Amino acid sequence: MSLPALATAFLLMVTLGYSVKCWLSPFGDCRKCDGMGHAFKTDRKGRLKRGKDCRRCQATGKRIRVGRWIYNRAARTYRAGTR
């Protein structure tokens, strides 16, 4: 196989893999709080203590994946256009 064909096959595999991941698991861990729902902070003595609730995920620890967000937006637009 030539190099462009190999690169195209690789990109197709990555895209299909991510699509399957978004279909099976539409929610991933929040990047800001690492899926905990809140941040950890240290006090002056170096001990961990719980911080405030995460504003990005509203303390759920989950976020919608980018691919699933794009799919939801496209499906909503399609449904609105066919009514």
PDB file of N, CA and C in Angstrom:
ATOM      1  N   MET A   1       0.845  -1.186   0.000  1.00  0.00           N
ATOM      2  CA  MET A   1       0.000   0.000   0.000  1.00  0.00           C
ATOM      3  C   MET A   1       0.884   1.241   0.000  1.00  0.00           C
ATOM      4  N   SER A   2       0.371   2.262  -0.616  1.00  0.00           N
ATOM      5  CA  SER A   2       1.116   3.517  -0.637  1.00  0.00           C
ATOM      6  C   SER A   2       0.879   4.288   0.655  1.00  0.00           C
ATOM      7  N   LEU A   3       1.710   5.252   0.888  1.00  0.00           N
ATOM      8  CA  LEU A   3       1.627   6.034   2.121  1.00  0.00           C
ATOM      9  C   LEU A   3       0.317   6.808   2.253  1.00  0.00           C
ATOM     10  N   PRO A   4      -0.182   7.494   1.196  1.00  0.00           N
ATOM     11  CA  PRO A   4      -1.467   8.190   1.347  1.00  0.00           C
ATOM     12  C   PRO A   4      -2.643   7.246   1.633  1.00  0.00           C
ATOM     13  N   ALA A   5      -2.619   6.063   1.034  1.00  0.00           N
ATOM     14  CA  ALA A   5      -3.691   5.096   1.292  1.00  0.00           C
ATOM     15  C   ALA A   5      -3.620   4.592   2.724  1.00  0.00           C
ATOM     16  N   LEU A   6      -2.416   4.372   3.224  1.00  0.00           N
ATOM     17  CA  LEU A   6      -2.238   3.923   4.606  1.00  0.00           C
ATOM     18  C   LEU A   6      -2.683   5.000   5.589  1.00  0.00           C
ATOM     19  N   ALA A   7      -2.352   6.248   5.309  1.00  0.00           N
ATOM     20  CA  ALA A   7      -2.766   7.354   6.179  1.00  0.00           C
ATOM     21  C   ALA A   7      -4.288   7.511   6.164  1.00  0.00           C
ATOM     22  N   THR A   8      -4.893   7.359   4.999  1.00  0.00           N
ATOM     23  CA  THR A   8      -6.352   7.459   4.895  1.00  0.00           C
ATOM     24  C   THR A   8      -7.024   6.330   5.667  1.00  0.00           C
ATOM     25  N   ALA A   9      -6.495   5.121   5.557  1.00  0.00           N
ATOM     26  CA  ALA A   9      -7.053   3.987   6.288  1.00  0.00           C
ATOM     27  C   ALA A   9      -6.935   4.199   7.795  1.00  0.00           C
ATOM     28  N   PHE A  10      -5.792   4.728   8.232  1.00  0.00           N
ATOM     29  CA  PHE A  10      -5.597   4.994   9.657  1.00  0.00           C
ATOM     30  C   PHE A  10      -6.590   6.042  10.168  1.00  0.00           C
ATOM     31  N   LEU A  11      -6.761   7.138   9.428  1.00  0.00           N
ATOM     32  CA  LEU A  11      -7.708   8.180   9.843  1.00  0.00           C
ATOM     33  C   LEU A  11      -9.142   7.653   9.855  1.00  0.00           C
ATOM     34  N   LEU A  12      -9.476   6.794   8.907  1.00  0.00           N
ATOM     35  CA  LEU A  12     -10.810   6.200   8.871  1.00  0.00           C
ATOM     36  C   LEU A  12     -11.041   5.305  10.086  1.00  0.00           C
ATOM     37  N   MET A  13     -10.032   4.537  10.471  1.00  0.00           N
ATOM     38  CA  MET A  13     -10.145   3.662  11.649  1.00  0.00           C
ATOM     39  C   MET A  13     -10.309   4.487  12.933  1.00  0.00           C
ATOM     40  N   VAL A  14      -9.537   5.554  13.059  1.00  0.00           N
ATOM     41  CA  VAL A  14      -9.637   6.412  14.249  1.00  0.00           C
ATOM     42  C   VAL A  14     -11.020   7.061  14.318  1.00  0.00           C
ATOM     43  N   THR A  15     -11.509   7.551  13.184  1.00  0.00           N
ATOM     44  CA  THR A  15     -12.813   8.203  13.152  1.00  0.00           C
ATOM     45  C   THR A  15     -13.927   7.228  13.501  1.00  0.00           C
ATOM     46  N   LEU A  16     -13.888   6.033  12.926  1.00  0.00           N
ATOM     47  CA  LEU A  16     -14.911   5.036  13.229  1.00  0.00           C
ATOM     48  C   LEU A  16     -14.835   4.592  14.688  1.00  0.00           C
ATOM     49  N   GLY A  17     -13.632   4.446  15.217  1.00  0.00           N
ATOM     50  CA  GLY A  17     -13.469   4.069  16.623  1.00  0.00           C
ATOM     51  C   GLY A  17     -14.048   5.117  17.560  1.00  0.00           C
ATOM     52  N   TYR A  18     -13.786   6.390  17.263  1.00  0.00           N
ATOM     53  CA  TYR A  18     -14.329   7.460  18.101  1.00  0.00           C
ATOM     54  C   TYR A  18     -15.854   7.535  17.983  1.00  0.00           C
ATOM     55  N   SER A  19     -16.377   7.280  16.787  1.00  0.00           N
ATOM     56  CA  SER A  19     -17.832   7.280  16.599  1.00  0.00           C
ATOM     57  C   SER A  19     -18.485   6.183  17.425  1.00  0.00           C
ATOM     58  N   VAL A  20     -17.891   5.010  17.438  1.00  0.00           N
ATOM     59  CA  VAL A  20     -18.426   3.902  18.237  1.00  0.00           C
ATOM     60  C   VAL A  20     -18.344   4.245  19.726  1.00  0.00           C
ATOM     61  N   LYS A  21     -17.251   4.861  20.140  1.00  0.00           N
ATOM     62  CA  LYS A  21     -17.094   5.242  21.554  1.00  0.00           C
ATOM     63  C   LYS A  21     -18.156   6.260  21.962  1.00  0.00           C
ATOM     64  N   CYS A  22     -18.433   7.238  21.083  1.00  0.00           N
ATOM     65  CA  CYS A  22     -19.466   8.237  21.379  1.00  0.00           C
ATOM     66  C   CYS A  22     -20.854   7.610  21.413  1.00  0.00           C
ATOM     67  N   TRP A  23     -21.072   6.575  20.602  1.00  0.00           N
ATOM     68  CA  TRP A  23     -22.372   5.909  20.574  1.00  0.00           C
ATOM     69  C   TRP A  23     -22.575   5.059  21.832  1.00  0.00           C
ATOM     70  N   LEU A  24     -21.545   4.329  22.242  1.00  0.00           N
ATOM     71  CA  LEU A  24     -21.664   3.447  23.400  1.00  0.00           C
ATOM     72  C   LEU A  24     -21.570   4.196  24.724  1.00  0.00           C
ATOM     73  N   SER A  25     -20.743   5.218  24.773  1.00  0.00           N
ATOM     74  CA  SER A  25     -20.536   5.959  26.008  1.00  0.00           C
ATOM     75  C   SER A  25     -20.541   7.461  25.704  1.00  0.00           C
ATOM     76  N   PRO A  26     -21.735   8.080  25.659  1.00  0.00           N
ATOM     77  CA  PRO A  26     -21.803   9.487  25.259  1.00  0.00           C
ATOM     78  C   PRO A  26     -21.218  10.466  26.281  1.00  0.00           C
ATOM     79  N   PHE A  27     -21.035  10.043  27.505  1.00  0.00           N
ATOM     80  CA  PHE A  27     -20.498  10.926  28.534  1.00  0.00           C
ATOM     81  C   PHE A  27     -19.117  10.462  28.961  1.00  0.00           C
ATOM     82  N   GLY A  28     -18.211  11.413  29.149  1.00  0.00           N
ATOM     83  CA  GLY A  28     -16.868  11.133  29.639  1.00  0.00           C
ATOM     84  C   GLY A  28     -16.621  11.904  30.920  1.00  0.00           C
ATOM     85  N   ASP A  29     -15.487  11.655  31.541  1.00  0.00           N
ATOM     86  CA  ASP A  29     -15.143  12.367  32.764  1.00  0.00           C
ATOM     87  C   ASP A  29     -14.857  13.832  32.463  1.00  0.00           C
ATOM     88  N   CYS A  30     -15.234  14.691  33.372  1.00  0.00           N
ATOM     89  CA  CYS A  30     -14.961  16.126  33.246  1.00  0.00           C
ATOM     90  C   CYS A  30     -13.456  16.338  33.320  1.00  0.00           C
ATOM     91  N   ARG A  31     -12.932  17.161  32.421  1.00  0.00           N
ATOM     92  CA  ARG A  31     -11.491  17.400  32.392  1.00  0.00           C
ATOM     93  C   ARG A  31     -11.034  18.328  33.519  1.00  0.00           C
ATOM     94  N   LYS A  32     -11.916  19.162  33.992  1.00  0.00           N
ATOM     95  CA  LYS A  32     -11.511  20.135  35.012  1.00  0.00           C
ATOM     96  C   LYS A  32     -11.371  19.473  36.391  1.00  0.00           C
ATOM     97  N   CYS A  33     -12.321  18.606  36.732  1.00  0.00           N
ATOM     98  CA  CYS A  33     -12.294  17.993  38.068  1.00  0.00           C
ATOM     99  C   CYS A  33     -11.909  16.515  38.025  1.00  0.00           C
ATOM    100  N   ASP A  34     -11.524  16.003  36.861  1.00  0.00           N
ATOM    101  CA  ASP A  34     -11.143  14.595  36.679  1.00  0.00           C
ATOM    102  C   ASP A  34     -12.246  13.625  37.079  1.00  0.00           C
ATOM    103  N   GLY A  35     -13.492  14.018  36.877  1.00  0.00           N
ATOM    104  CA  GLY A  35     -14.611  13.137  37.140  1.00  0.00           C
ATOM    105  C   GLY A  35     -15.027  13.057  38.597  1.00  0.00           C
ATOM    106  N   MET A  36     -14.475  13.901  39.445  1.00  0.00           N
ATOM    107  CA  MET A  36     -14.808  13.858  40.868  1.00  0.00           C
ATOM    108  C   MET A  36     -16.005  14.741  41.226  1.00  0.00           C
ATOM    109  N   GLY A  37     -16.279  15.757  40.438  1.00  0.00           N
ATOM    110  CA  GLY A  37     -17.374  16.664  40.737  1.00  0.00           C
ATOM    111  C   GLY A  37     -16.953  17.858  41.573  1.00  0.00           C
ATOM    112  N   HIS A  38     -15.747  17.804  42.091  1.00  0.00           N
ATOM    113  CA  HIS A  38     -15.220  18.920  42.878  1.00  0.00           C
ATOM    114  C   HIS A  38     -13.696  18.878  42.808  1.00  0.00           C
ATOM    115  N   ALA A  39     -13.093  19.982  43.094  1.00  0.00           N
ATOM    116  CA  ALA A  39     -11.640  20.069  43.069  1.00  0.00           C
ATOM    117  C   ALA A  39     -11.083  19.804  44.466  1.00  0.00           C
ATOM    118  N   PHE A  40      -9.881  19.289  44.521  1.00  0.00           N
ATOM    119  CA  PHE A  40      -9.199  19.109  45.800  1.00  0.00           C
ATOM    120  C   PHE A  40      -8.186  20.219  45.967  1.00  0.00           C
ATOM    121  N   LYS A  41      -8.105  20.736  47.152  1.00  0.00           N
ATOM    122  CA  LYS A  41      -7.125  21.766  47.469  1.00  0.00           C
ATOM    123  C   LYS A  41      -6.337  21.320  48.695  1.00  0.00           C
ATOM    124  N   THR A  42      -5.186  21.923  48.887  1.00  0.00           N
ATOM    125  CA  THR A  42      -4.393  21.613  50.070  1.00  0.00           C
ATOM    126  C   THR A  42      -4.412  22.818  51.007  1.00  0.00           C
ATOM    127  N   ASP A  43      -4.426  22.517  52.274  1.00  0.00           N
ATOM    128  CA  ASP A  43      -4.352  23.607  53.241  1.00  0.00           C
ATOM    129  C   ASP A  43      -2.884  23.932  53.515  1.00  0.00           C
ATOM    130  N   ARG A  44      -2.631  24.793  54.487  1.00  0.00           N
ATOM    131  CA  ARG A  44      -1.261  25.229  54.750  1.00  0.00           C
ATOM    132  C   ARG A  44      -0.368  24.108  55.270  1.00  0.00           C
ATOM    133  N   LYS A  45      -0.970  23.096  55.878  1.00  0.00           N
ATOM    134  CA  LYS A  45      -0.190  21.975  56.394  1.00  0.00           C
ATOM    135  C   LYS A  45       0.028  20.892  55.337  1.00  0.00           C
ATOM    136  N   GLY A  46      -0.527  21.072  54.139  1.00  0.00           N
ATOM    137  CA  GLY A  46      -0.322  20.112  53.062  1.00  0.00           C
ATOM    138  C   GLY A  46      -1.370  19.018  52.990  1.00  0.00           C
ATOM    139  N   ARG A  47      -2.391  19.097  53.840  1.00  0.00           N
ATOM    140  CA  ARG A  47      -3.436  18.074  53.821  1.00  0.00           C
ATOM    141  C   ARG A  47      -4.461  18.392  52.742  1.00  0.00           C
ATOM    142  N   LEU A  48      -4.977  17.348  52.118  1.00  0.00           N
ATOM    143  CA  LEU A  48      -6.001  17.537  51.099  1.00  0.00           C
ATOM    144  C   LEU A  48      -7.335  17.834  51.746  1.00  0.00           C
ATOM    145  N   LYS A  49      -8.056  18.754  51.154  1.00  0.00           N
ATOM    146  CA  LYS A  49      -9.423  18.998  51.585  1.00  0.00           C
ATOM    147  C   LYS A  49     -10.261  19.269  50.354  1.00  0.00           C
ATOM    148  N   ARG A  50     -11.531  18.999  50.469  1.00  0.00           N
ATOM    149  CA  ARG A  50     -12.426  19.144  49.333  1.00  0.00           C
ATOM    150  C   ARG A  50     -12.653  20.618  49.030  1.00  0.00           C
ATOM    151  N   GLY A  51     -12.577  20.951  47.745  1.00  0.00           N
ATOM    152  CA  GLY A  51     -12.805  22.320  47.319  1.00  0.00           C
ATOM    153  C   GLY A  51     -14.251  22.532  46.915  1.00  0.00           C
ATOM    154  N   LYS A  52     -14.486  23.543  46.120  1.00  0.00           N
ATOM    155  CA  LYS A  52     -15.831  23.868  45.663  1.00  0.00           C
ATOM    156  C   LYS A  52     -16.294  22.884  44.595  1.00  0.00           C
ATOM    157  N   ASP A  53     -17.602  22.829  44.396  1.00  0.00           N
ATOM    158  CA  ASP A  53     -18.156  22.005  43.334  1.00  0.00           C
ATOM    159  C   ASP A  53     -17.718  22.546  41.978  1.00  0.00           C
ATOM    160  N   CYS A  54     -17.548  21.643  41.035  1.00  0.00           N
ATOM    161  CA  CYS A  54     -17.093  22.010  39.700  1.00  0.00           C
ATOM    162  C   CYS A  54     -18.214  22.733  38.957  1.00  0.00           C
ATOM    163  N   ARG A  55     -17.887  23.891  38.386  1.00  0.00           N
ATOM    164  CA  ARG A  55     -18.893  24.657  37.644  1.00  0.00           C
ATOM    165  C   ARG A  55     -19.085  24.128  36.235  1.00  0.00           C
ATOM    166  N   ARG A  56     -18.072  23.507  35.672  1.00  0.00           N
ATOM    167  CA  ARG A  56     -18.158  23.023  34.288  1.00  0.00           C
ATOM    168  C   ARG A  56     -19.154  21.865  34.169  1.00  0.00           C
ATOM    169  N   CYS A  57     -19.128  20.940  35.113  1.00  0.00           N
ATOM    170  CA  CYS A  57     -20.009  19.765  35.024  1.00  0.00           C
ATOM    171  C   CYS A  57     -21.158  19.821  36.030  1.00  0.00           C
ATOM    172  N   GLN A  58     -21.321  20.914  36.748  1.00  0.00           N
ATOM    173  CA  GLN A  58     -22.343  21.079  37.782  1.00  0.00           C
ATOM    174  C   GLN A  58     -22.258  19.970  38.838  1.00  0.00           C
ATOM    175  N   ALA A  59     -21.036  19.598  39.198  1.00  0.00           N
ATOM    176  CA  ALA A  59     -20.724  18.631  40.257  1.00  0.00           C
ATOM    177  C   ALA A  59     -21.190  17.219  39.941  1.00  0.00           C
ATOM    178  N   THR A  60     -21.415  16.891  38.663  1.00  0.00           N
ATOM    179  CA  THR A  60     -21.772  15.522  38.300  1.00  0.00           C
ATOM    180  C   THR A  60     -20.536  14.692  37.998  1.00  0.00           C
ATOM    181  N   GLY A  61     -19.453  15.336  37.590  1.00  0.00           N
ATOM    182  CA  GLY A  61     -18.245  14.626  37.227  1.00  0.00           C
ATOM    183  C   GLY A  61     -18.251  14.139  35.792  1.00  0.00           C
ATOM    184  N   LYS A  62     -19.330  14.368  35.072  1.00  0.00           N
ATOM    185  CA  LYS A  62     -19.445  13.899  33.685  1.00  0.00           C
ATOM    186  C   LYS A  62     -19.656  15.071  32.740  1.00  0.00           C
ATOM    187  N   ARG A  63     -19.250  14.881  31.481  1.00  0.00           N
ATOM    188  CA  ARG A  63     -19.471  15.868  30.431  1.00  0.00           C
ATOM    189  C   ARG A  63     -19.819  15.112  29.166  1.00  0.00           C
ATOM    190  N   ILE A  64     -20.503  15.771  28.248  1.00  0.00           N
ATOM    191  CA  ILE A  64     -20.852  15.129  26.992  1.00  0.00           C
ATOM    192  C   ILE A  64     -19.650  15.194  26.053  1.00  0.00           C
ATOM    193  N   ARG A  65     -19.388  14.113  25.354  1.00  0.00           N
ATOM    194  CA  ARG A  65     -18.258  14.075  24.426  1.00  0.00           C
ATOM    195  C   ARG A  65     -18.521  14.983  23.236  1.00  0.00           C
ATOM    196  N   VAL A  66     -17.464  15.502  22.623  1.00  0.00           N
ATOM    197  CA  VAL A  66     -17.580  16.431  21.505  1.00  0.00           C
ATOM    198  C   VAL A  66     -18.304  15.775  20.329  1.00  0.00           C
ATOM    199  N   GLY A  67     -17.958  14.532  20.025  1.00  0.00           N
ATOM    200  CA  GLY A  67     -18.608  13.835  18.919  1.00  0.00           C
ATOM    201  C   GLY A  67     -20.095  13.630  19.152  1.00  0.00           C
ATOM    202  N   ARG A  68     -20.475  13.326  20.382  1.00  0.00           N
ATOM    203  CA  ARG A  68     -21.892  13.146  20.699  1.00  0.00           C
ATOM    204  C   ARG A  68     -22.626  14.481  20.644  1.00  0.00           C
ATOM    205  N   TRP A  69     -21.952  15.560  21.066  1.00  0.00           N
ATOM    206  CA  TRP A  69     -22.563  16.886  21.006  1.00  0.00           C
ATOM    207  C   TRP A  69     -22.845  17.265  19.562  1.00  0.00           C
ATOM    208  N   ILE A  70     -21.892  16.989  18.658  1.00  0.00           N
ATOM    209  CA  ILE A  70     -22.083  17.282  17.240  1.00  0.00           C
ATOM    210  C   ILE A  70     -23.228  16.451  16.672  1.00  0.00           C
ATOM    211  N   TYR A  71     -23.289  15.171  17.034  1.00  0.00           N
ATOM    212  CA  TYR A  71     -24.382  14.313  16.564  1.00  0.00           C
ATOM    213  C   TYR A  71     -25.731  14.816  17.068  1.00  0.00           C
ATOM    214  N   ASN A  72     -25.818  15.174  18.338  1.00  0.00           N
ATOM    215  CA  ASN A  72     -27.082  15.676  18.898  1.00  0.00           C
ATOM    216  C   ASN A  72     -27.525  16.953  18.188  1.00  0.00           C
ATOM    217  N   ARG A  73     -26.580  17.847  17.925  1.00  0.00           N
ATOM    218  CA  ARG A  73     -26.906  19.091  17.238  1.00  0.00           C
ATOM    219  C   ARG A  73     -27.407  18.826  15.822  1.00  0.00           C
ATOM    220  N   ALA A  74     -26.752  17.917  15.095  1.00  0.00           N
ATOM    221  CA  ALA A  74     -27.164  17.583  13.730  1.00  0.00           C
ATOM    222  C   ALA A  74     -28.538  16.910  13.721  1.00  0.00           C
ATOM    223  N   ALA A  75     -28.780  16.009  14.660  1.00  0.00           N
ATOM    224  CA  ALA A  75     -30.070  15.319  14.722  1.00  0.00           C
ATOM    225  C   ALA A  75     -31.191  16.303  15.067  1.00  0.00           C
ATOM    226  N   ARG A  76     -30.916  17.228  15.979  1.00  0.00           N
ATOM    227  CA  ARG A  76     -31.922  18.229  16.349  1.00  0.00           C
ATOM    228  C   ARG A  76     -32.253  19.139  15.163  1.00  0.00           C
ATOM    229  N   THR A  77     -31.236  19.539  14.403  1.00  0.00           N
ATOM    230  CA  THR A  77     -31.441  20.375  13.221  1.00  0.00           C
ATOM    231  C   THR A  77     -32.232  19.616  12.158  1.00  0.00           C
ATOM    232  N   TYR A  78     -31.906  18.353  11.971  1.00  0.00           N
ATOM    233  CA  TYR A  78     -32.630  17.542  10.978  1.00  0.00           C
ATOM    234  C   TYR A  78     -34.097  17.382  11.368  1.00  0.00           C
ATOM    235  N   ARG A  79     -34.355  17.091  12.644  1.00  0.00           N
ATOM    236  CA  ARG A  79     -35.746  16.930  13.112  1.00  0.00           C
ATOM    237  C   ARG A  79     -36.529  18.224  12.952  1.00  0.00           C
ATOM    238  N   ALA A  80     -35.886  19.355  13.242  1.00  0.00           N
ATOM    239  CA  ALA A  80     -36.568  20.643  13.121  1.00  0.00           C
ATOM    240  C   ALA A  80     -36.853  20.982  11.671  1.00  0.00           C
ATOM    241  N   GLY A  81     -36.011  20.517  10.763  1.00  0.00           N
ATOM    242  CA  GLY A  81     -36.202  20.831   9.350  1.00  0.00           C
ATOM    243  C   GLY A  81     -37.225  19.938   8.659  1.00  0.00           C
ATOM    244  N   THR A  82     -37.535  18.783   9.237  1.00  0.00           N
ATOM    245  CA  THR A  82     -38.482  17.865   8.606  1.00  0.00           C
ATOM    246  C   THR A  82     -39.876  17.950   9.198  1.00  0.00           C
ATOM    247  N   ARG A  83     -40.105  18.856  10.088  1.00  0.00           N
ATOM    248  CA  ARG A  83     -41.455  18.983  10.680  1.00  0.00           C
ATOM    249  C   ARG A  83     -42.331  19.853   9.855  1.00  0.00           C
TER     250      ARG A  83
END
